[in-house]
Amino acid sequence: MKQQWEEWFRGCSAAVPIMVGYLPVAVTFGVIAQQMGIPALQTTLMSILVYAGASQFMAVNMLATGAGGLEVVTATFVLNFRHFVMGLSLMNLFRGFPSRWKLAIASGMTDETFAMASIRAGSEPKMSPRSVAGMMLGAYSSWILGSLAGHLLSQVIPPTISESMSIALYAMFIGLLVPTVRKEWRAGAVALSSMLLCWGFSQVLDEGWAIVLATVLGGGLGSFWMKEETS
């Protein structure tokens, strides 16, 4: 029993860098959700059930523009489709784990936990399921608690800081894009093409469906164009 608790603790300790990064972003999400009129319960449930930072920011932004539920769900599905590929890769690394552990680990997978789990799998000769699950649980808990705290603290945060948090969505995506563009200019061209497609579709369609179509077509363009560079 002691060894099992040590494995859980070792996994949670490994998640500390992720938790430190998640907390301010989660707080920002909670503040923005409150500004958009989303109650604390729904905000927390979104973090519990969706647990995808970029998708949650996008969903809140789309809801604020009047997008329908189907549009939000479709856009979230498209944006998170990469998790299917990441999940297959992760399950290949942990193919010796029991099925019940694989299900729990896959449910807690994000870009950051996937990266850390992959690195640890390559550096540690044998990882225990509890260690990996502990890492996932630590990151998951910090995101939920940060979202709730942001919503509850939004009333005491100074208005100037609270209003500036509304640009967090754009800053986050730019922060994800810039390192990639520095390595490969085509990624920037794909992002620019997607932006122009979104603007064009928004002239004739609802903004929600414009985002969905631009995401799908932009991703298709990127998969075709970037493939040429790696072949």
Foldseek 3Di string as FASTA:
>chain_A
DVVLVVLLVLLLVLLVVLLVVQQVLLLLLLLLLVVLVHDLVVLLVCLVQVVASLLSLVLSVCVSLPDDPVLSVLLSCLVCVVLVVLLVVLCVLVVVADPVLSVLLSSLDDPVLSVSSVVCSVVDVDRDSSSSSSNSVNSSVSSSVSSSVSNVCSVVPDPVVSVVSNCVSVVVVVVVQVVVCVVPVVSVVLVVQLVVQLVVVVVPDPSSVSNSVSSVVSVVVCVVVVVVVVD
